[in-house]
PDB file of all heavy atoms in Angstrom:
ATOM      1  N   VAL A   1      19.074  -9.771   2.138  1.00  0.00           N
ATOM      2  CA  VAL A   1      19.061 -11.211   2.415  1.00  0.00           C
ATOM      3  C   VAL A   1      17.919 -11.523   3.379  1.00  0.00           C
ATOM      4  O   VAL A   1      17.922 -11.059   4.519  1.00  0.00           O
ATOM      5  CB  VAL A   1      20.409 -11.665   3.023  1.00  0.00           C
ATOM      6  CG1 VAL A   1      20.420 -13.184   3.192  1.00  0.00           C
ATOM      7  CG2 VAL A   1      21.588 -11.207   2.156  1.00  0.00           C
ATOM      8  N   LEU A   2      16.947 -12.310   2.931  1.00  0.00           N
ATOM      9  CA  LEU A   2      15.802 -12.629   3.785  1.00  0.00           C
ATOM     10  C   LEU A   2      16.216 -13.569   4.911  1.00  0.00           C
ATOM     11  O   LEU A   2      16.977 -14.513   4.706  1.00  0.00           O
ATOM     12  CB  LEU A   2      14.684 -13.259   2.969  1.00  0.00           C
ATOM     13  CG  LEU A   2      13.947 -12.290   2.034  1.00  0.00           C
ATOM     14  CD1 LEU A   2      12.946 -13.037   1.174  1.00  0.00           C
ATOM     15  CD2 LEU A   2      13.253 -11.191   2.811  1.00  0.00           C
ATOM     16  N   SER A   3      15.685 -13.304   6.092  1.00  0.00           N
ATOM     17  CA  SER A   3      15.972 -14.129   7.265  1.00  0.00           C
ATOM     18  C   SER A   3      14.755 -14.977   7.604  1.00  0.00           C
ATOM     19  O   SER A   3      13.696 -14.855   6.973  1.00  0.00           O
ATOM     20  CB  SER A   3      16.327 -13.239   8.465  1.00  0.00           C
ATOM     21  OG  SER A   3      15.155 -12.631   8.977  1.00  0.00           O
ATOM     22  N   ILE A   4      14.888 -15.818   8.612  1.00  0.00           N
ATOM     23  CA  ILE A   4      13.752 -16.647   9.022  1.00  0.00           C
ATOM     24  C   ILE A   4      12.636 -15.810   9.649  1.00  0.00           C
ATOM     25  O   ILE A   4      11.550 -16.318   9.896  1.00  0.00           O
ATOM     26  CB  ILE A   4      14.191 -17.761  10.001  1.00  0.00           C
ATOM     27  CG1 ILE A   4      14.819 -17.164  11.262  1.00  0.00           C
ATOM     28  CG2 ILE A   4      15.145 -18.735   9.320  1.00  0.00           C
ATOM     29  CD1 ILE A   4      15.101 -18.192  12.352  1.00  0.00           C
ATOM     30  N   GLU A   5      12.879 -14.514   9.873  1.00  0.00           N
ATOM     31  CA  GLU A   5      11.844 -13.605  10.369  1.00  0.00           C
ATOM     32  C   GLU A   5      10.955 -13.087   9.238  1.00  0.00           C
ATOM     33  O   GLU A   5       9.945 -12.426   9.493  1.00  0.00           O
ATOM     34  CB  GLU A   5      12.495 -12.403  11.066  1.00  0.00           C
ATOM     35  CG  GLU A   5      13.310 -12.769  12.293  1.00  0.00           C
ATOM     36  CD  GLU A   5      12.421 -13.084  13.469  1.00  0.00           C
ATOM     37  OE1 GLU A   5      11.645 -12.214  13.876  1.00  0.00           O
ATOM     38  OE2 GLU A   5      12.498 -14.220  13.970  1.00  0.00           O
ATOM     39  N   ALA A   6      11.306 -13.368   7.981  1.00  0.00           N
ATOM     40  CA  ALA A   6      10.517 -12.876   6.848  1.00  0.00           C
ATOM     41  C   ALA A   6       9.110 -13.461   6.887  1.00  0.00           C
ATOM     42  O   ALA A   6       8.918 -14.624   7.244  1.00  0.00           O
ATOM     43  CB  ALA A   6      11.199 -13.243   5.537  1.00  0.00           C
ATOM     44  N   THR A   7       8.134 -12.642   6.522  1.00  0.00           N
ATOM     45  CA  THR A   7       6.741 -13.104   6.489  1.00  0.00           C
ATOM     46  C   THR A   7       6.329 -13.385   5.048  1.00  0.00           C
ATOM     47  O   THR A   7       6.942 -12.890   4.099  1.00  0.00           O
ATOM     48  CB  THR A   7       5.798 -12.038   7.065  1.00  0.00           C
ATOM     49  OG1 THR A   7       5.861 -10.864   6.225  1.00  0.00           O
ATOM     50  CG2 THR A   7       6.190 -11.666   8.492  1.00  0.00           C
ATOM     51  N   PHE A   8       5.269 -14.167   4.912  1.00  0.00           N
ATOM     52  CA  PHE A   8       4.765 -14.439   3.570  1.00  0.00           C
ATOM     53  C   PHE A   8       4.239 -13.154   2.935  1.00  0.00           C
ATOM     54  O   PHE A   8       4.345 -12.966   1.721  1.00  0.00           O
ATOM     55  CB  PHE A   8       3.671 -15.503   3.625  1.00  0.00           C
ATOM     56  CG  PHE A   8       3.289 -16.013   2.266  1.00  0.00           C
ATOM     57  CD1 PHE A   8       4.201 -16.710   1.478  1.00  0.00           C
ATOM     58  CD2 PHE A   8       2.015 -15.804   1.764  1.00  0.00           C
ATOM     59  CE1 PHE A   8       3.860 -17.185   0.219  1.00  0.00           C
ATOM     60  CE2 PHE A   8       1.663 -16.286   0.508  1.00  0.00           C
ATOM     61  CZ  PHE A   8       2.585 -16.971  -0.262  1.00  0.00           C
ATOM     62  N   ASP A   9       3.676 -12.240   3.730  1.00  0.00           N
ATOM     63  CA  ASP A   9       3.191 -10.966   3.195  1.00  0.00           C
ATOM     64  C   ASP A   9       4.336 -10.161   2.578  1.00  0.00           C
ATOM     65  O   ASP A   9       4.159  -9.514   1.538  1.00  0.00           O
ATOM     66  CB  ASP A   9       2.511 -10.145   4.283  1.00  0.00           C
ATOM     67  CG  ASP A   9       1.117 -10.654   4.608  1.00  0.00           C
ATOM     68  OD1 ASP A   9       0.567 -11.431   3.796  1.00  0.00           O
ATOM     69  OD2 ASP A   9       0.584 -10.293   5.676  1.00  0.00           O
ATOM     70  N   LEU A  10       5.505 -10.182   3.216  1.00  0.00           N
ATOM     71  CA  LEU A  10       6.670  -9.477   2.671  1.00  0.00           C
ATOM     72  C   LEU A  10       7.074 -10.095   1.333  1.00  0.00           C
ATOM     73  O   LEU A  10       7.336  -9.377   0.356  1.00  0.00           O
ATOM     74  CB  LEU A  10       7.836  -9.558   3.664  1.00  0.00           C
ATOM     75  CG  LEU A  10       9.153  -8.920   3.212  1.00  0.00           C
ATOM     76  CD1 LEU A  10       9.041  -7.402   3.190  1.00  0.00           C
ATOM     77  CD2 LEU A  10      10.291  -9.346   4.126  1.00  0.00           C
ATOM     78  N   ILE A  11       7.099 -11.415   1.277  1.00  0.00           N
ATOM     79  CA  ILE A  11       7.489 -12.097   0.037  1.00  0.00           C
ATOM     80  C   ILE A  11       6.450 -11.854  -1.050  1.00  0.00           C
ATOM     81  O   ILE A  11       6.797 -11.636  -2.214  1.00  0.00           O
ATOM     82  CB  ILE A  11       7.694 -13.600   0.311  1.00  0.00           C
ATOM     83  CG1 ILE A  11       8.923 -13.767   1.220  1.00  0.00           C
ATOM     84  CG2 ILE A  11       7.871 -14.384  -0.976  1.00  0.00           C
ATOM     85  CD1 ILE A  11       9.118 -15.146   1.788  1.00  0.00           C
ATOM     86  N   LYS A  12       5.157 -11.835  -0.682  1.00  0.00           N
ATOM     87  CA  LYS A  12       4.113 -11.541  -1.670  1.00  0.00           C
ATOM     88  C   LYS A  12       4.268 -10.130  -2.228  1.00  0.00           C
ATOM     89  O   LYS A  12       4.113  -9.909  -3.424  1.00  0.00           O
ATOM     90  CB  LYS A  12       2.726 -11.664  -1.021  1.00  0.00           C
ATOM     91  CG  LYS A  12       2.192 -13.073  -0.982  1.00  0.00           C
ATOM     92  CD  LYS A  12       0.685 -13.105  -0.780  1.00  0.00           C
ATOM     93  CE  LYS A  12       0.255 -12.311   0.424  1.00  0.00           C
ATOM     94  NZ  LYS A  12      -1.196 -12.432   0.685  1.00  0.00           N
ATOM     95  N   ARG A  13       4.559  -9.173  -1.344  1.00  0.00           N
ATOM     96  CA  ARG A  13       4.676  -7.778  -1.781  1.00  0.00           C
ATOM     97  C   ARG A  13       5.719  -7.619  -2.879  1.00  0.00           C
ATOM     98  O   ARG A  13       5.496  -6.948  -3.888  1.00  0.00           O
ATOM     99  CB  ARG A  13       5.041  -6.883  -0.601  1.00  0.00           C
ATOM    100  CG  ARG A  13       5.372  -5.447  -0.996  1.00  0.00           C
ATOM    101  CD  ARG A  13       5.874  -4.656   0.189  1.00  0.00           C
ATOM    102  NE  ARG A  13       4.812  -4.281   1.085  1.00  0.00           N
ATOM    103  CZ  ARG A  13       4.121  -3.141   0.993  1.00  0.00           C
ATOM    104  NH1 ARG A  13       4.392  -2.291   0.032  1.00  0.00           N
ATOM    105  NH2 ARG A  13       3.187  -2.870   1.863  1.00  0.00           N
ATOM    106  N   PHE A  14       6.872  -8.251  -2.683  1.00  0.00           N
ATOM    107  CA  PHE A  14       7.969  -8.025  -3.621  1.00  0.00           C
ATOM    108  C   PHE A  14       8.106  -9.125  -4.677  1.00  0.00           C
ATOM    109  O   PHE A  14       8.816  -8.932  -5.657  1.00  0.00           O
ATOM    110  CB  PHE A  14       9.280  -7.856  -2.860  1.00  0.00           C
ATOM    111  CG  PHE A  14       9.319  -6.584  -2.069  1.00  0.00           C
ATOM    112  CD1 PHE A  14       9.115  -6.603  -0.702  1.00  0.00           C
ATOM    113  CD2 PHE A  14       9.515  -5.370  -2.699  1.00  0.00           C
ATOM    114  CE1 PHE A  14       9.119  -5.420   0.026  1.00  0.00           C
ATOM    115  CE2 PHE A  14       9.514  -4.184  -1.976  1.00  0.00           C
ATOM    116  CZ  PHE A  14       9.317  -4.208  -0.606  1.00  0.00           C
ATOM    117  N   GLY A  15       7.411 -10.247  -4.482  1.00  0.00           N
ATOM    118  CA  GLY A  15       7.597 -11.335  -5.423  1.00  0.00           C
ATOM    119  C   GLY A  15       6.428 -11.664  -6.322  1.00  0.00           C
ATOM    120  O   GLY A  15       6.598 -12.316  -7.336  1.00  0.00           O
ATOM    121  N   PHE A  16       5.221 -11.200  -5.971  1.00  0.00           N
ATOM    122  CA  PHE A  16       4.047 -11.683  -6.696  1.00  0.00           C
ATOM    123  C   PHE A  16       3.436 -10.686  -7.670  1.00  0.00           C
ATOM    124  O   PHE A  16       2.537 -11.051  -8.406  1.00  0.00           O
ATOM    125  CB  PHE A  16       2.957 -12.107  -5.702  1.00  0.00           C
ATOM    126  CG  PHE A  16       3.238 -13.396  -4.989  1.00  0.00           C
ATOM    127  CD1 PHE A  16       4.507 -13.938  -4.966  1.00  0.00           C
ATOM    128  CD2 PHE A  16       2.235 -14.067  -4.328  1.00  0.00           C
ATOM    129  CE1 PHE A  16       4.781 -15.126  -4.301  1.00  0.00           C
ATOM    130  CE2 PHE A  16       2.488 -15.250  -3.660  1.00  0.00           C
ATOM    131  CZ  PHE A  16       3.764 -15.780  -3.643  1.00  0.00           C
ATOM    132  N   ALA A  17       3.863  -9.431  -7.630  1.00  0.00           N
ATOM    133  CA  ALA A  17       3.233  -8.415  -8.482  1.00  0.00           C
ATOM    134  C   ALA A  17       4.252  -7.793  -9.409  1.00  0.00           C
ATOM    135  O   ALA A  17       5.430  -7.693  -9.084  1.00  0.00           O
ATOM    136  CB  ALA A  17       2.591  -7.333  -7.611  1.00  0.00           C
ATOM    137  N   SER A  18       3.779  -7.371 -10.578  1.00  0.00           N
ATOM    138  CA  SER A  18       4.657  -6.672 -11.514  1.00  0.00           C
ATOM    139  C   SER A  18       4.867  -5.246 -11.035  1.00  0.00           C
ATOM    140  O   SER A  18       3.937  -4.590 -10.574  1.00  0.00           O
ATOM    141  CB  SER A  18       4.032  -6.655 -12.908  1.00  0.00           C
ATOM    142  OG  SER A  18       4.733  -5.765 -13.747  1.00  0.00           O
ATOM    143  N   GLY A  19       6.088  -4.769 -11.155  1.00  0.00           N
ATOM    144  CA  GLY A  19       6.377  -3.390 -10.776  1.00  0.00           C
ATOM    145  C   GLY A  19       6.062  -2.409 -11.885  1.00  0.00           C
ATOM    146  O   GLY A  19       6.242  -1.207 -11.718  1.00  0.00           O
ATOM    147  N   ARG A  20       5.599  -2.905 -13.036  1.00  0.00           N
ATOM    148  CA  ARG A  20       5.296  -1.997 -14.150  1.00  0.00           C
ATOM    149  C   ARG A  20       4.075  -1.146 -13.833  1.00  0.00           C
ATOM    150  O   ARG A  20       3.992  -0.002 -14.226  1.00  0.00           O
ATOM    151  CB  ARG A  20       5.082  -2.788 -15.445  1.00  0.00           C
ATOM    152  CG  ARG A  20       6.348  -3.501 -15.892  1.00  0.00           C
ATOM    153  CD  ARG A  20       6.199  -4.147 -17.250  1.00  0.00           C
ATOM    154  NE  ARG A  20       7.297  -5.061 -17.493  1.00  0.00           N
ATOM    155  CZ  ARG A  20       8.489  -4.713 -17.915  1.00  0.00           C
ATOM    156  NH1 ARG A  20       8.758  -3.444 -18.135  1.00  0.00           N
ATOM    157  NH2 ARG A  20       9.442  -5.604 -18.106  1.00  0.00           N
ATOM    158  N   ASP A  21       3.082  -1.729 -13.135  1.00  0.00           N
ATOM    159  CA  ASP A  21       1.886  -0.944 -12.791  1.00  0.00           C
ATOM    160  C   ASP A  21       1.758  -0.698 -11.304  1.00  0.00           C
ATOM    161  O   ASP A  21       0.802  -0.094 -10.875  1.00  0.00           O
ATOM    162  CB  ASP A  21       0.590  -1.652 -13.262  1.00  0.00           C
ATOM    163  CG  ASP A  21       0.832  -2.916 -14.036  1.00  0.00           C
ATOM    164  OD1 ASP A  21       1.883  -2.998 -14.579  1.00  0.00           O
ATOM    165  OD2 ASP A  21      -0.011  -3.808 -14.093  1.00  0.00           O
ATOM    166  N   THR A  22       2.677  -1.207 -10.492  1.00  0.00           N
ATOM    167  CA  THR A  22       2.558  -1.099  -9.036  1.00  0.00           C
ATOM    168  C   THR A  22       3.849  -0.553  -8.434  1.00  0.00           C
ATOM    169  O   THR A  22       4.928  -0.996  -8.802  1.00  0.00           O
ATOM    170  CB  THR A  22       2.308  -2.492  -8.413  1.00  0.00           C
ATOM    171  OG1 THR A  22       1.230  -3.108  -9.076  1.00  0.00           O
ATOM    172  CG2 THR A  22       2.021  -2.394  -6.937  1.00  0.00           C
ATOM    173  N   ASP A  23       3.716   0.426  -7.522  1.00  0.00           N
ATOM    174  CA  ASP A  23       4.878   0.858  -6.744  1.00  0.00           C
ATOM    175  C   ASP A  23       4.921  -0.016  -5.504  1.00  0.00           C
ATOM    176  O   ASP A  23       4.123   0.140  -4.582  1.00  0.00           O
ATOM    177  CB  ASP A  23       4.759   2.333  -6.369  1.00  0.00           C
ATOM    178  CG  ASP A  23       5.963   2.837  -5.577  1.00  0.00           C
ATOM    179  OD1 ASP A  23       6.796   1.998  -5.147  1.00  0.00           O
ATOM    180  OD2 ASP A  23       6.072   4.052  -5.381  1.00  0.00           O
ATOM    181  N   LYS A  24       5.841  -0.955  -5.484  1.00  0.00           N
ATOM    182  CA  LYS A  24       5.878  -1.942  -4.406  1.00  0.00           C
ATOM    183  C   LYS A  24       6.251  -1.323  -3.056  1.00  0.00           C
ATOM    184  O   LYS A  24       6.053  -1.929  -2.017  1.00  0.00           O
ATOM    185  CB  LYS A  24       6.860  -3.057  -4.753  1.00  0.00           C
ATOM    186  CG  LYS A  24       6.451  -3.834  -6.000  1.00  0.00           C
ATOM    187  CD  LYS A  24       7.391  -4.979  -6.268  1.00  0.00           C
ATOM    188  CE  LYS A  24       7.006  -5.716  -7.531  1.00  0.00           C
ATOM    189  NZ  LYS A  24       7.853  -6.887  -7.769  1.00  0.00           N
ATOM    190  N   PHE A  25       6.798  -0.115  -3.068  1.00  0.00           N
ATOM    191  CA  PHE A  25       7.236   0.515  -1.825  1.00  0.00           C
ATOM    192  C   PHE A  25       6.188   1.461  -1.237  1.00  0.00           C
ATOM    193  O   PHE A  25       6.371   1.963  -0.141  1.00  0.00           O
ATOM    194  CB  PHE A  25       8.545   1.280  -2.062  1.00  0.00           C
ATOM    195  CG  PHE A  25       9.690   0.385  -2.446  1.00  0.00           C
ATOM    196  CD1 PHE A  25      10.024   0.209  -3.779  1.00  0.00           C
ATOM    197  CD2 PHE A  25      10.424  -0.287  -1.489  1.00  0.00           C
ATOM    198  CE1 PHE A  25      11.075  -0.621  -4.149  1.00  0.00           C
ATOM    199  CE2 PHE A  25      11.474  -1.121  -1.844  1.00  0.00           C
ATOM    200  CZ  PHE A  25      11.798  -1.290  -3.174  1.00  0.00           C
ATOM    201  N   THR A  26       5.091   1.710  -1.959  1.00  0.00           N
ATOM    202  CA  THR A  26       4.050   2.608  -1.460  1.00  0.00           C
ATOM    203  C   THR A  26       3.454   2.071  -0.163  1.00  0.00           C
ATOM    204  O   THR A  26       3.063   0.906  -0.083  1.00  0.00           O
ATOM    205  CB  THR A  26       2.924   2.773  -2.504  1.00  0.00           C
ATOM    206  OG1 THR A  26       3.458   3.411  -3.650  1.00  0.00           O
ATOM    207  CG2 THR A  26       1.791   3.626  -1.951  1.00  0.00           C
ATOM    208  N   GLY A  27       3.410   2.923   0.860  1.00  0.00           N
ATOM    209  CA  GLY A  27       2.853   2.527   2.144  1.00  0.00           C
ATOM    210  C   GLY A  27       3.746   1.617   2.962  1.00  0.00           C
ATOM    211  O   GLY A  27       3.357   1.144   4.019  1.00  0.00           O
ATOM    212  N   TYR A  28       4.962   1.402   2.473  1.00  0.00           N
ATOM    213  CA  TYR A  28       5.893   0.513   3.170  1.00  0.00           C
ATOM    214  C   TYR A  28       7.027   1.365   3.711  1.00  0.00           C
ATOM    215  O   TYR A  28       7.782   1.959   2.945  1.00  0.00           O
ATOM    216  CB  TYR A  28       6.417  -0.549   2.190  1.00  0.00           C
ATOM    217  CG  TYR A  28       7.346  -1.553   2.817  1.00  0.00           C
ATOM    218  CD1 TYR A  28       6.855  -2.558   3.647  1.00  0.00           C
ATOM    219  CD2 TYR A  28       8.713  -1.506   2.579  1.00  0.00           C
ATOM    220  CE1 TYR A  28       7.713  -3.476   4.224  1.00  0.00           C
ATOM    221  CE2 TYR A  28       9.566  -2.423   3.150  1.00  0.00           C
ATOM    222  CZ  TYR A  28       9.057  -3.410   3.966  1.00  0.00           C
ATOM    223  OH  TYR A  28       9.900  -4.316   4.544  1.00  0.00           O
ATOM    224  N   ASN A  29       7.149   1.467   5.030  1.00  0.00           N
ATOM    225  CA  ASN A  29       8.072   2.431   5.628  1.00  0.00           C
ATOM    226  C   ASN A  29       9.451   1.868   5.956  1.00  0.00           C
ATOM    227  O   ASN A  29      10.369   2.630   6.230  1.00  0.00           O
ATOM    228  CB  ASN A  29       7.456   3.000   6.917  1.00  0.00           C
ATOM    229  CG  ASN A  29       6.161   3.740   6.641  1.00  0.00           C
ATOM    230  OD1 ASN A  29       6.059   4.439   5.645  1.00  0.00           O
ATOM    231  ND2 ASN A  29       5.175   3.563   7.498  1.00  0.00           N
ATOM    232  N   ASP A  30       9.604   0.552   5.942  1.00  0.00           N
ATOM    233  CA  ASP A  30      10.831  -0.055   6.459  1.00  0.00           C
ATOM    234  C   ASP A  30      11.868  -0.296   5.361  1.00  0.00           C
ATOM    235  O   ASP A  30      12.314  -1.413   5.142  1.00  0.00           O
ATOM    236  CB  ASP A  30      10.476  -1.373   7.164  1.00  0.00           C
ATOM    237  CG  ASP A  30      11.554  -1.786   8.156  1.00  0.00           C
ATOM    238  OD1 ASP A  30      12.433  -0.961   8.444  1.00  0.00           O
ATOM    239  OD2 ASP A  30      11.513  -2.929   8.624  1.00  0.00           O
ATOM    240  N   HIS A  31      12.227   0.781   4.637  1.00  0.00           N
ATOM    241  CA  HIS A  31      13.250   0.671   3.608  1.00  0.00           C
ATOM    242  C   HIS A  31      14.051   1.975   3.559  1.00  0.00           C
ATOM    243  O   HIS A  31      13.527   3.047   3.838  1.00  0.00           O
ATOM    244  CB  HIS A  31      12.637   0.361   2.241  1.00  0.00           C
ATOM    245  CG  HIS A  31      11.638   1.384   1.779  1.00  0.00           C
ATOM    246  ND1 HIS A  31      10.347   1.429   2.266  1.00  0.00           N
ATOM    247  CD2 HIS A  31      11.734   2.384   0.884  1.00  0.00           C
ATOM    248  CE1 HIS A  31       9.700   2.421   1.684  1.00  0.00           C
ATOM    249  NE2 HIS A  31      10.523   3.027   0.845  1.00  0.00           N
ATOM    250  N   TYR A  32      15.332   1.861   3.218  1.00  0.00           N
ATOM    251  CA  TYR A  32      16.241   3.003   3.230  1.00  0.00           C
ATOM    252  C   TYR A  32      17.173   2.910   2.030  1.00  0.00           C
ATOM    253  O   TYR A  32      17.455   1.821   1.527  1.00  0.00           O
ATOM    254  CB  TYR A  32      17.058   3.021   4.527  1.00  0.00           C
ATOM    255  CG  TYR A  32      16.183   3.063   5.758  1.00  0.00           C
ATOM    256  CD1 TYR A  32      15.801   1.881   6.388  1.00  0.00           C
ATOM    257  CD2 TYR A  32      15.708   4.274   6.263  1.00  0.00           C
ATOM    258  CE1 TYR A  32      14.972   1.899   7.505  1.00  0.00           C
ATOM    259  CE2 TYR A  32      14.879   4.298   7.374  1.00  0.00           C
ATOM    260  CZ  TYR A  32      14.515   3.114   7.989  1.00  0.00           C
ATOM    261  OH  TYR A  32      13.689   3.133   9.086  1.00  0.00           O
ATOM    262  N   ARG A  33      17.689   4.049   1.602  1.00  0.00           N
ATOM    263  CA  ARG A  33      18.575   4.060   0.442  1.00  0.00           C
ATOM    264  C   ARG A  33      20.017   3.763   0.849  1.00  0.00           C
ATOM    265  O   ARG A  33      20.507   4.222   1.870  1.00  0.00           O
ATOM    266  CB  ARG A  33      18.513   5.408  -0.272  1.00  0.00           C
ATOM    267  CG  ARG A  33      17.178   5.644  -0.934  1.00  0.00           C
ATOM    268  CD  ARG A  33      17.289   6.516  -2.176  1.00  0.00           C
ATOM    269  NE  ARG A  33      15.956   6.815  -2.672  1.00  0.00           N
ATOM    270  CZ  ARG A  33      15.296   6.055  -3.518  1.00  0.00           C
ATOM    271  NH1 ARG A  33      15.849   4.949  -3.968  1.00  0.00           N
ATOM    272  NH2 ARG A  33      14.083   6.382  -3.927  1.00  0.00           N
TER     273      ARG A  33
END
């Protein structure tokens, strides 16, 4: 759930690119299983 602390860069990372050719999590450390 996105909070008011969310940045436009975060939304661009996960909302603007297709995951078919891009690993959206590459170089992004702030995620856990």
